[in-house]
Amino acid sequence: MDRDQFIFCLEAVPDVEIRTTTEVVKNLEQLAIEQGIASIYKTCDTIEGLEDSLNALLYHDHNFTDYEIIYLVMPGKENSICLNNYYYSIEEIAEIFEGKMKGKIIHFANAKILDLDAEEAQYFLDITGAYAVSGYGAKYDKIASCSTIDKAFFSLCQEYDDVVEIVEKLYQKHYALCKLLDFRLYY
């Protein structure tokens, strides 16, 4: 790749007014120090906060094209996220991102399960304009994906353009974790 690409991370928290340093922040800082991958980190506690953060990135950050990965660290049930005790389906998320994610990889941490069938995946990609959506088919509370496998995935996204090659390399380097968390990528 001829230029660096960045990560935009949006983490769901109980209350955005309470400032804490989460494991996600620590891991993103470590990623920046060790691998030189820069990121922007924001929190949200409502769907409106998610939309506001996304709109600020889209319309006020002139480097938006450099953000290859939109990293969503949000709890939820299968194919939904939970904000302020309300669940939003993958279809609702797609509508929020409608047409705004052209060429991006939207990556869900393993705080929720991502299990799309072919039709749901294609709908999400078509509506958002995203290049790919990725996440995990298994939620394993003892291992936060942001600690090892997400960092490896982000690093490989810096090295390779082809998502198939990225996934192959990820499985080669971290097979046990990929199988345990059931890493998935839809494109």
N, C-alpha and C. Protein backbone atom coordinates (compact mmCIF):
# COMPACT_ATOMS: atom_id res chain seq x y z
N MET A 1 0.85 -1.18 0.00
CA MET A 1 0.00 0.00 0.00
C MET A 1 0.89 1.24 0.00
N ASP A 2 0.44 2.26 -0.67
CA ASP A 2 1.25 3.44 -0.80
C ASP A 2 1.00 4.49 0.28
N ARG A 3 0.02 4.27 1.14
CA ARG A 3 -0.23 5.23 2.21
C ARG A 3 -0.79 4.50 3.43
N ASP A 4 -0.59 5.12 4.57
CA ASP A 4 -1.14 4.53 5.78
C ASP A 4 -2.64 4.75 5.84
N GLN A 5 -3.30 3.81 6.48
CA GLN A 5 -4.73 3.93 6.68
C GLN A 5 -5.00 3.83 8.16
N PHE A 6 -6.09 4.43 8.59
CA PHE A 6 -6.37 4.56 10.00
C PHE A 6 -7.62 3.81 10.41
N ILE A 7 -7.79 3.73 11.72
CA ILE A 7 -8.95 3.06 12.31
C ILE A 7 -9.79 4.11 13.01
N PHE A 8 -11.09 4.07 12.78
CA PHE A 8 -12.03 4.88 13.55
C PHE A 8 -12.76 3.91 14.46
N CYS A 9 -12.56 4.06 15.76
CA CYS A 9 -13.15 3.16 16.75
C CYS A 9 -14.27 3.86 17.48
N LEU A 10 -15.39 3.22 17.55
CA LEU A 10 -16.54 3.73 18.30
C LEU A 10 -16.94 2.66 19.31
N GLU A 11 -16.79 3.01 20.60
CA GLU A 11 -17.08 2.05 21.66
C GLU A 11 -18.33 2.47 22.42
N ALA A 12 -19.21 1.53 22.67
CA ALA A 12 -20.40 1.77 23.49
C ALA A 12 -19.99 1.75 24.95
N VAL A 13 -20.41 2.76 25.67
CA VAL A 13 -20.17 2.87 27.11
C VAL A 13 -21.48 3.20 27.81
N PRO A 14 -21.59 2.92 29.11
CA PRO A 14 -22.84 3.21 29.83
C PRO A 14 -23.17 4.71 29.87
N ASP A 15 -22.13 5.55 29.99
CA ASP A 15 -22.36 7.00 30.09
C ASP A 15 -21.15 7.73 29.54
N VAL A 16 -21.33 8.50 28.46
CA VAL A 16 -20.21 9.20 27.84
C VAL A 16 -19.63 10.30 28.72
N GLU A 17 -20.38 10.74 29.71
CA GLU A 17 -19.91 11.79 30.61
C GLU A 17 -18.84 11.28 31.58
N ILE A 18 -18.84 9.99 31.82
CA ILE A 18 -17.85 9.38 32.71
C ILE A 18 -16.67 8.92 31.87
N ARG A 19 -15.53 9.57 32.05
CA ARG A 19 -14.33 9.28 31.27
C ARG A 19 -13.52 8.17 31.95
N THR A 20 -13.31 7.09 31.22
CA THR A 20 -12.47 6.01 31.71
C THR A 20 -11.57 5.53 30.58
N THR A 21 -10.46 4.94 30.92
CA THR A 21 -9.58 4.36 29.93
C THR A 21 -9.91 2.87 29.85
N THR A 22 -10.55 2.48 28.77
CA THR A 22 -10.96 1.09 28.61
C THR A 22 -9.83 0.26 28.03
N GLU A 23 -10.02 -1.05 28.03
CA GLU A 23 -9.04 -1.96 27.42
C GLU A 23 -8.88 -1.65 25.93
N VAL A 24 -9.97 -1.23 25.30
CA VAL A 24 -9.92 -0.90 23.88
C VAL A 24 -8.96 0.26 23.64
N VAL A 25 -9.05 1.30 24.46
CA VAL A 25 -8.15 2.45 24.33
C VAL A 25 -6.70 2.01 24.52
N LYS A 26 -6.46 1.21 25.53
CA LYS A 26 -5.10 0.73 25.79
C LYS A 26 -4.56 -0.06 24.60
N ASN A 27 -5.40 -0.90 24.02
CA ASN A 27 -4.97 -1.71 22.88
C ASN A 27 -4.75 -0.87 21.63
N LEU A 28 -5.56 0.15 21.42
CA LEU A 28 -5.35 1.04 20.28
C LEU A 28 -4.06 1.84 20.46
N GLU A 29 -3.78 2.27 21.68
CA GLU A 29 -2.53 2.98 21.96
C GLU A 29 -1.34 2.06 21.71
N GLN A 30 -1.45 0.83 22.15
CA GLN A 30 -0.39 -0.16 21.94
C GLN A 30 -0.18 -0.41 20.44
N LEU A 31 -1.27 -0.49 19.69
CA LEU A 31 -1.20 -0.67 18.24
C LEU A 31 -0.47 0.50 17.59
N ALA A 32 -0.74 1.71 18.05
CA ALA A 32 -0.07 2.89 17.50
C ALA A 32 1.42 2.88 17.82
N ILE A 33 1.78 2.52 19.04
CA ILE A 33 3.18 2.51 19.46
C ILE A 33 3.96 1.40 18.77
N GLU A 34 3.40 0.19 18.78
CA GLU A 34 4.12 -0.97 18.27
C GLU A 34 4.12 -1.08 16.75
N GLN A 35 2.99 -0.68 16.12
CA GLN A 35 2.88 -0.90 14.68
C GLN A 35 2.64 0.37 13.88
N GLY A 36 2.54 1.49 14.56
CA GLY A 36 2.37 2.76 13.87
C GLY A 36 1.01 2.95 13.21
N ILE A 37 0.00 2.22 13.69
CA ILE A 37 -1.34 2.34 13.12
C ILE A 37 -2.13 3.34 13.96
N ALA A 38 -2.45 4.46 13.35
CA ALA A 38 -3.15 5.53 14.06
C ALA A 38 -4.66 5.26 14.09
N SER A 39 -5.30 5.82 15.11
CA SER A 39 -6.74 5.64 15.23
C SER A 39 -7.37 6.86 15.89
N ILE A 40 -8.65 6.98 15.68
CA ILE A 40 -9.48 7.95 16.38
C ILE A 40 -10.42 7.11 17.23
N TYR A 41 -10.58 7.48 18.48
CA TYR A 41 -11.42 6.74 19.40
C TYR A 41 -12.53 7.65 19.91
N LYS A 42 -13.75 7.17 19.84
CA LYS A 42 -14.90 7.90 20.37
C LYS A 42 -15.78 6.93 21.15
N THR A 43 -16.56 7.48 22.06
CA THR A 43 -17.53 6.66 22.79
C THR A 43 -18.94 7.15 22.45
N CYS A 44 -19.88 6.27 22.67
CA CYS A 44 -21.29 6.65 22.52
C CYS A 44 -22.11 5.84 23.52
N ASP A 45 -23.23 6.41 23.93
CA ASP A 45 -24.13 5.68 24.83
C ASP A 45 -25.55 5.65 24.30
N THR A 46 -25.77 6.25 23.13
CA THR A 46 -27.08 6.25 22.49
C THR A 46 -26.90 6.09 20.98
N ILE A 47 -27.97 5.77 20.29
CA ILE A 47 -27.91 5.67 18.84
C ILE A 47 -27.66 7.04 18.23
N GLU A 48 -28.17 8.09 18.88
CA GLU A 48 -27.93 9.45 18.40
C GLU A 48 -26.44 9.80 18.53
N GLY A 49 -25.81 9.35 19.61
CA GLY A 49 -24.38 9.56 19.79
C GLY A 49 -23.57 8.83 18.73
N LEU A 50 -24.00 7.63 18.37
CA LEU A 50 -23.34 6.89 17.30
C LEU A 50 -23.45 7.66 16.00
N GLU A 51 -24.65 8.14 15.67
CA GLU A 51 -24.86 8.91 14.44
C GLU A 51 -24.06 10.20 14.45
N ASP A 52 -24.05 10.91 15.57
CA ASP A 52 -23.31 12.17 15.67
C ASP A 52 -21.81 11.94 15.46
N SER A 53 -21.27 10.90 16.07
CA SER A 53 -19.84 10.60 15.91
C SER A 53 -19.52 10.25 14.47
N LEU A 54 -20.37 9.46 13.86
CA LEU A 54 -20.17 9.07 12.47
C LEU A 54 -20.25 10.31 11.56
N ASN A 55 -21.24 11.16 11.79
CA ASN A 55 -21.38 12.37 10.97
C ASN A 55 -20.21 13.32 11.16
N ALA A 56 -19.70 13.43 12.39
CA ALA A 56 -18.53 14.28 12.63
C ALA A 56 -17.34 13.75 11.83
N LEU A 57 -17.18 12.43 11.81
CA LEU A 57 -16.09 11.83 11.04
C LEU A 57 -16.28 12.10 9.55
N LEU A 58 -17.49 11.89 9.07
CA LEU A 58 -17.77 12.03 7.64
C LEU A 58 -17.63 13.46 7.14
N TYR A 59 -18.19 14.39 7.89
CA TYR A 59 -18.33 15.74 7.37
C TYR A 59 -17.34 16.75 7.91
N HIS A 60 -16.61 16.40 8.96
CA HIS A 60 -15.69 17.37 9.56
C HIS A 60 -14.24 16.91 9.56
N ASP A 61 -13.99 15.64 9.30
CA ASP A 61 -12.62 15.15 9.27
C ASP A 61 -12.19 15.01 7.82
N HIS A 62 -11.28 15.87 7.41
CA HIS A 62 -10.85 15.87 6.01
C HIS A 62 -10.02 14.66 5.64
N ASN A 63 -9.64 13.86 6.62
CA ASN A 63 -8.88 12.64 6.36
C ASN A 63 -9.75 11.39 6.33
N PHE A 64 -11.08 11.56 6.21
CA PHE A 64 -11.99 10.41 6.28
C PHE A 64 -11.60 9.31 5.29
N THR A 65 -11.13 9.68 4.13
CA THR A 65 -10.77 8.66 3.14
C THR A 65 -9.63 7.77 3.63
N ASP A 66 -8.85 8.27 4.59
CA ASP A 66 -7.74 7.48 5.12
C ASP A 66 -8.19 6.45 6.16
N TYR A 67 -9.43 6.53 6.60
CA TYR A 67 -9.93 5.57 7.59
C TYR A 67 -10.45 4.35 6.86
N GLU A 68 -9.65 3.29 6.89
CA GLU A 68 -10.03 2.07 6.19
C GLU A 68 -10.99 1.22 7.03
N ILE A 69 -10.82 1.27 8.34
CA ILE A 69 -11.58 0.38 9.22
C ILE A 69 -12.45 1.20 10.16
N ILE A 70 -13.72 0.87 10.20
CA ILE A 70 -14.65 1.41 11.19
C ILE A 70 -14.84 0.27 12.19
N TYR A 71 -14.30 0.48 13.39
CA TYR A 71 -14.22 -0.56 14.42
C TYR A 71 -15.30 -0.29 15.47
N LEU A 72 -16.27 -1.17 15.54
CA LEU A 72 -17.39 -1.00 16.46
C LEU A 72 -17.26 -1.97 17.63
N VAL A 73 -17.07 -1.42 18.82
CA VAL A 73 -16.95 -2.22 20.02
C VAL A 73 -18.23 -1.98 20.82
N MET A 74 -19.20 -2.84 20.57
CA MET A 74 -20.52 -2.67 21.15
C MET A 74 -21.11 -4.01 21.54
N PRO A 75 -21.67 -4.07 22.74
CA PRO A 75 -22.32 -5.32 23.13
C PRO A 75 -23.60 -5.52 22.33
N GLY A 76 -24.15 -6.68 22.43
CA GLY A 76 -25.41 -6.95 21.75
C GLY A 76 -25.67 -8.43 21.68
N LYS A 77 -26.76 -8.72 21.07
CA LYS A 77 -27.11 -10.11 20.78
C LYS A 77 -26.75 -10.36 19.33
N GLU A 78 -26.99 -11.58 18.89
CA GLU A 78 -26.66 -11.92 17.51
C GLU A 78 -27.23 -10.90 16.54
N ASN A 79 -26.35 -10.34 15.71
CA ASN A 79 -26.71 -9.40 14.65
C ASN A 79 -27.45 -8.16 15.13
N SER A 80 -27.15 -7.74 16.34
CA SER A 80 -27.70 -6.48 16.85
C SER A 80 -26.68 -5.87 17.81
N ILE A 81 -26.80 -4.57 18.00
CA ILE A 81 -25.97 -3.90 18.99
C ILE A 81 -26.89 -3.35 20.07
N CYS A 82 -26.33 -3.14 21.25
CA CYS A 82 -27.12 -2.62 22.37
C CYS A 82 -26.54 -1.28 22.81
N LEU A 83 -27.38 -0.25 22.77
CA LEU A 83 -27.01 1.07 23.26
C LEU A 83 -28.13 1.56 24.17
N ASN A 84 -27.75 1.94 25.39
CA ASN A 84 -28.73 2.46 26.34
C ASN A 84 -29.90 1.48 26.55
N ASN A 85 -29.55 0.19 26.66
CA ASN A 85 -30.53 -0.88 26.88
C ASN A 85 -31.54 -1.06 25.75
N TYR A 86 -31.21 -0.58 24.56
CA TYR A 86 -32.08 -0.78 23.41
C TYR A 86 -31.27 -1.47 22.32
N TYR A 87 -31.88 -2.46 21.67
CA TYR A 87 -31.20 -3.23 20.65
C TYR A 87 -31.53 -2.69 19.26
N TYR A 88 -30.49 -2.58 18.44
CA TYR A 88 -30.62 -2.13 17.06
C TYR A 88 -30.14 -3.25 16.15
N SER A 89 -30.97 -3.64 15.19
CA SER A 89 -30.64 -4.76 14.31
C SER A 89 -29.57 -4.35 13.30
N ILE A 90 -29.00 -5.35 12.67
CA ILE A 90 -27.99 -5.11 11.64
C ILE A 90 -28.59 -4.29 10.49
N GLU A 91 -29.87 -4.48 10.22
CA GLU A 91 -30.54 -3.70 9.17
C GLU A 91 -30.66 -2.23 9.58
N GLU A 92 -30.96 -1.97 10.85
CA GLU A 92 -31.03 -0.58 11.33
C GLU A 92 -29.65 0.08 11.30
N ILE A 93 -28.63 -0.68 11.63
CA ILE A 93 -27.26 -0.16 11.58
C ILE A 93 -26.91 0.18 10.13
N ALA A 94 -27.27 -0.71 9.21
CA ALA A 94 -27.01 -0.46 7.79
C ALA A 94 -27.68 0.84 7.34
N GLU A 95 -28.89 1.09 7.79
CA GLU A 95 -29.60 2.30 7.39
C GLU A 95 -28.94 3.56 7.97
N ILE A 96 -28.38 3.47 9.17
CA ILE A 96 -27.66 4.60 9.76
C ILE A 96 -26.42 4.91 8.92
N PHE A 97 -25.74 3.86 8.44
CA PHE A 97 -24.52 4.02 7.65
C PHE A 97 -24.81 4.17 6.15
N GLU A 98 -26.05 4.29 5.77
CA GLU A 98 -26.46 4.23 4.37
C GLU A 98 -25.60 5.10 3.45
N GLY A 99 -24.92 4.41 2.53
CA GLY A 99 -24.11 5.08 1.52
C GLY A 99 -22.88 5.80 2.03
N LYS A 100 -22.57 5.69 3.31
CA LYS A 100 -21.49 6.48 3.91
C LYS A 100 -20.19 5.70 4.08
N MET A 101 -20.20 4.41 3.83
CA MET A 101 -19.03 3.58 4.14
C MET A 101 -18.31 3.05 2.91
N LYS A 102 -18.39 3.76 1.82
CA LYS A 102 -17.78 3.31 0.56
C LYS A 102 -16.31 2.98 0.75
N GLY A 103 -15.98 1.73 0.43
CA GLY A 103 -14.60 1.27 0.50
C GLY A 103 -14.09 0.94 1.89
N LYS A 104 -14.93 0.99 2.91
CA LYS A 104 -14.51 0.75 4.29
C LYS A 104 -14.75 -0.71 4.69
N ILE A 105 -13.99 -1.14 5.68
CA ILE A 105 -14.26 -2.41 6.34
C ILE A 105 -14.89 -2.07 7.68
N ILE A 106 -16.08 -2.57 7.92
CA ILE A 106 -16.75 -2.36 9.21
C ILE A 106 -16.50 -3.62 10.03
N HIS A 107 -15.81 -3.43 11.14
CA HIS A 107 -15.40 -4.58 11.96
C HIS A 107 -16.05 -4.50 13.34
N PHE A 108 -16.75 -5.56 13.71
CA PHE A 108 -17.38 -5.67 15.02
C PHE A 108 -16.47 -6.48 15.94
N ALA A 109 -16.18 -5.95 17.13
CA ALA A 109 -15.42 -6.70 18.13
C ALA A 109 -16.28 -7.87 18.62
N ASN A 110 -15.68 -8.78 19.36
CA ASN A 110 -16.44 -9.96 19.80
C ASN A 110 -17.32 -9.70 21.02
N ALA A 111 -17.69 -8.46 21.26
CA ALA A 111 -18.65 -8.15 22.32
C ALA A 111 -20.06 -8.57 21.90
N LYS A 112 -20.22 -8.93 20.65
CA LYS A 112 -21.49 -9.40 20.11
C LYS A 112 -21.20 -10.41 18.99
N ILE A 113 -22.17 -11.22 18.69
CA ILE A 113 -22.02 -12.22 17.63
C ILE A 113 -22.47 -11.62 16.30
N LEU A 114 -21.71 -11.89 15.26
CA LEU A 114 -22.07 -11.51 13.90
C LEU A 114 -22.26 -12.79 13.11
N ASP A 115 -23.49 -13.10 12.76
CA ASP A 115 -23.81 -14.34 12.04
C ASP A 115 -24.80 -14.02 10.94
N LEU A 116 -24.30 -13.53 9.83
CA LEU A 116 -25.15 -13.11 8.72
C LEU A 116 -25.28 -14.23 7.70
N ASP A 117 -26.48 -14.37 7.13
CA ASP A 117 -26.58 -15.26 5.99
C ASP A 117 -26.20 -14.44 4.75
N ALA A 118 -26.13 -15.08 3.61
CA ALA A 118 -25.65 -14.40 2.39
C ALA A 118 -26.51 -13.18 2.05
N GLU A 119 -27.82 -13.31 2.20
CA GLU A 119 -28.74 -12.21 1.87
C GLU A 119 -28.55 -11.03 2.83
N GLU A 120 -28.43 -11.30 4.13
CA GLU A 120 -28.22 -10.22 5.12
C GLU A 120 -26.88 -9.51 4.88
N ALA A 121 -25.85 -10.29 4.60
CA ALA A 121 -24.54 -9.70 4.35
C ALA A 121 -24.58 -8.81 3.11
N GLN A 122 -25.19 -9.31 2.05
CA GLN A 122 -25.26 -8.52 0.82
C GLN A 122 -26.08 -7.25 1.02
N TYR A 123 -27.18 -7.34 1.77
CA TYR A 123 -28.00 -6.16 2.08
C TYR A 123 -27.16 -5.12 2.82
N PHE A 124 -26.44 -5.57 3.84
CA PHE A 124 -25.61 -4.66 4.64
C PHE A 124 -24.57 -3.98 3.76
N LEU A 125 -23.88 -4.74 2.94
CA LEU A 125 -22.85 -4.18 2.07
C LEU A 125 -23.44 -3.23 1.02
N ASP A 126 -24.58 -3.61 0.45
CA ASP A 126 -25.22 -2.76 -0.56
C ASP A 126 -25.70 -1.44 0.03
N ILE A 127 -26.32 -1.49 1.18
CA ILE A 127 -26.88 -0.27 1.80
C ILE A 127 -25.76 0.65 2.28
N THR A 128 -24.76 0.11 2.95
CA THR A 128 -23.70 0.94 3.53
C THR A 128 -22.67 1.38 2.50
N GLY A 129 -22.48 0.58 1.47
CA GLY A 129 -21.41 0.83 0.51
C GLY A 129 -20.08 0.29 0.99
N ALA A 130 -20.07 -0.42 2.12
CA ALA A 130 -18.82 -0.95 2.69
C ALA A 130 -18.20 -1.99 1.76
N TYR A 131 -16.89 -2.08 1.83
CA TYR A 131 -16.14 -3.07 1.09
C TYR A 131 -16.32 -4.45 1.72
N ALA A 132 -16.36 -4.46 3.06
CA ALA A 132 -16.52 -5.72 3.80
C ALA A 132 -17.05 -5.43 5.19
N VAL A 133 -17.63 -6.47 5.80
CA VAL A 133 -18.03 -6.41 7.20
C VAL A 133 -17.47 -7.67 7.86
N SER A 134 -16.91 -7.49 9.05
CA SER A 134 -16.29 -8.63 9.72
C SER A 134 -16.64 -8.63 11.20
N GLY A 135 -16.46 -9.78 11.80
CA GLY A 135 -16.76 -9.95 13.21
C GLY A 135 -16.55 -11.40 13.60
N TYR A 136 -17.27 -11.82 14.62
CA TYR A 136 -17.04 -13.14 15.21
C TYR A 136 -18.36 -13.88 15.41
N GLY A 137 -18.34 -15.17 15.11
CA GLY A 137 -19.51 -16.00 15.28
C GLY A 137 -19.65 -16.55 16.68
N ALA A 138 -18.66 -16.32 17.53
CA ALA A 138 -18.70 -16.81 18.90
C ALA A 138 -18.27 -15.68 19.83
N LYS A 139 -18.99 -15.58 20.92
CA LYS A 139 -18.64 -14.60 21.95
C LYS A 139 -17.99 -15.39 23.08
N TYR A 140 -16.75 -15.08 23.34
CA TYR A 140 -16.00 -15.78 24.38
C TYR A 140 -15.51 -14.72 25.35
N ASP A 141 -16.19 -14.59 26.49
CA ASP A 141 -15.95 -13.50 27.41
C ASP A 141 -14.55 -13.48 28.02
N LYS A 142 -13.88 -14.61 28.03
CA LYS A 142 -12.56 -14.65 28.64
C LYS A 142 -11.48 -14.04 27.74
N ILE A 143 -11.81 -13.88 26.46
CA ILE A 143 -10.86 -13.28 25.51
C ILE A 143 -11.56 -12.13 24.78
N ALA A 144 -11.07 -10.93 24.99
CA ALA A 144 -11.57 -9.79 24.24
C ALA A 144 -10.84 -9.78 22.90
N SER A 145 -11.59 -9.74 21.82
CA SER A 145 -10.96 -9.80 20.50
C SER A 145 -10.00 -8.64 20.29
N CYS A 146 -10.26 -7.51 20.98
CA CYS A 146 -9.40 -6.34 20.77
C CYS A 146 -7.99 -6.55 21.29
N SER A 147 -7.76 -7.59 22.08
CA SER A 147 -6.44 -7.77 22.65
C SER A 147 -5.43 -8.37 21.68
N THR A 148 -5.81 -9.33 20.89
CA THR A 148 -4.85 -10.00 20.02
C THR A 148 -5.30 -10.07 18.58
N ILE A 149 -6.43 -10.70 18.37
CA ILE A 149 -6.83 -11.00 17.00
C ILE A 149 -7.25 -9.74 16.23
N ASP A 150 -7.91 -8.79 16.89
CA ASP A 150 -8.27 -7.56 16.19
C ASP A 150 -7.02 -6.80 15.78
N LYS A 151 -6.05 -6.73 16.68
CA LYS A 151 -4.80 -6.03 16.35
C LYS A 151 -4.10 -6.71 15.16
N ALA A 152 -4.10 -8.02 15.14
CA ALA A 152 -3.49 -8.75 14.02
C ALA A 152 -4.27 -8.46 12.73
N PHE A 153 -5.59 -8.46 12.81
CA PHE A 153 -6.43 -8.17 11.65
C PHE A 153 -6.13 -6.76 11.13
N PHE A 154 -6.07 -5.77 12.03
CA PHE A 154 -5.81 -4.39 11.62
C PHE A 154 -4.43 -4.27 10.97
N SER A 155 -3.47 -4.96 11.52
CA SER A 155 -2.12 -4.93 10.96
C SER A 155 -2.09 -5.52 9.55
N LEU A 156 -2.78 -6.63 9.36
CA LEU A 156 -2.83 -7.25 8.03
C LEU A 156 -3.57 -6.36 7.03
N CYS A 157 -4.55 -5.62 7.50
CA CYS A 157 -5.27 -4.68 6.61
C CYS A 157 -4.33 -3.59 6.10
N GLN A 158 -3.29 -3.28 6.87
CA GLN A 158 -2.29 -2.31 6.44
C GLN A 158 -1.37 -2.89 5.36
N GLU A 159 -1.13 -4.20 5.44
CA GLU A 159 -0.19 -4.85 4.54
C GLU A 159 -0.79 -5.28 3.22
N TYR A 160 -2.06 -5.71 3.25
CA TYR A 160 -2.68 -6.31 2.07
C TYR A 160 -3.96 -5.57 1.69
N ASP A 161 -4.23 -5.55 0.39
CA ASP A 161 -5.46 -4.92 -0.12
C ASP A 161 -6.60 -5.93 -0.27
N ASP A 162 -6.27 -7.16 -0.55
CA ASP A 162 -7.26 -8.19 -0.84
C ASP A 162 -7.76 -8.83 0.46
N VAL A 163 -9.08 -8.73 0.71
CA VAL A 163 -9.62 -9.25 1.97
C VAL A 163 -9.46 -10.77 2.09
N VAL A 164 -9.49 -11.48 0.99
CA VAL A 164 -9.31 -12.92 1.04
C VAL A 164 -7.89 -13.24 1.54
N GLU A 165 -6.92 -12.51 1.03
CA GLU A 165 -5.54 -12.70 1.47
C GLU A 165 -5.38 -12.32 2.95
N ILE A 166 -6.06 -11.27 3.37
CA ILE A 166 -6.01 -10.84 4.78
C ILE A 166 -6.52 -11.96 5.68
N VAL A 167 -7.66 -12.54 5.32
CA VAL A 167 -8.25 -13.60 6.13
C VAL A 167 -7.36 -14.85 6.12
N GLU A 168 -6.81 -15.19 4.97
CA GLU A 168 -5.91 -16.35 4.90
C GLU A 168 -4.71 -16.16 5.81
N LYS A 169 -4.09 -15.00 5.76
CA LYS A 169 -2.92 -14.71 6.60
C LYS A 169 -3.30 -14.72 8.08
N LEU A 170 -4.48 -14.16 8.39
CA LEU A 170 -4.94 -14.13 9.78
C LEU A 170 -5.09 -15.55 10.32
N TYR A 171 -5.70 -16.42 9.52
CA TYR A 171 -5.87 -17.82 9.94
C TYR A 171 -4.53 -18.54 10.03
N GLN A 172 -3.60 -18.21 9.14
CA GLN A 172 -2.28 -18.84 9.21
C GLN A 172 -1.56 -18.47 10.50
N LYS A 173 -1.65 -17.20 10.88
CA LYS A 173 -0.90 -16.71 12.04
C LYS A 173 -1.61 -16.95 13.37
N HIS A 174 -2.93 -17.01 13.36
CA HIS A 174 -3.71 -17.10 14.60
C HIS A 174 -4.85 -18.10 14.47
N TYR A 175 -4.53 -19.28 13.96
CA TYR A 175 -5.57 -20.26 13.67
C TYR A 175 -6.44 -20.60 14.88
N ALA A 176 -5.82 -20.88 16.01
CA ALA A 176 -6.58 -21.30 17.19
C ALA A 176 -7.56 -20.21 17.64
N LEU A 177 -7.10 -18.98 17.68
CA LEU A 177 -7.99 -17.88 18.07
C LEU A 177 -9.09 -17.64 17.05
N CYS A 178 -8.75 -17.71 15.77
CA CYS A 178 -9.76 -17.53 14.72
C CYS A 178 -10.85 -18.59 14.83
N LYS A 179 -10.46 -19.82 15.11
CA LYS A 179 -11.44 -20.90 15.26
C LYS A 179 -12.25 -20.74 16.55
N LEU A 180 -11.58 -20.40 17.64
CA LEU A 180 -12.26 -20.25 18.93
C LEU A 180 -13.31 -19.15 18.86
N LEU A 181 -12.95 -18.01 18.28
CA LEU A 181 -13.88 -16.88 18.20
C LEU A 181 -14.71 -16.90 16.92
N ASP A 182 -14.40 -17.83 16.01
CA ASP A 182 -15.12 -17.99 14.74
C ASP A 182 -15.10 -16.69 13.93
N PHE A 183 -13.88 -16.22 13.61
CA PHE A 183 -13.72 -15.00 12.82
C PHE A 183 -14.43 -15.13 11.48
N ARG A 184 -15.17 -14.07 11.10
CA ARG A 184 -15.92 -14.08 9.85
C ARG A 184 -15.73 -12.76 9.12
N LEU A 185 -15.68 -12.85 7.79
CA LEU A 185 -15.61 -11.67 6.96
C LEU A 185 -16.53 -11.86 5.77
N TYR A 186 -17.40 -10.90 5.56
CA TYR A 186 -18.33 -10.92 4.44
C TYR A 186 -17.94 -9.79 3.50
N TYR A 187 -17.87 -10.08 2.20
CA TYR A 187 -17.50 -9.04 1.24
C TYR A 187 -18.25 -9.21 -0.06
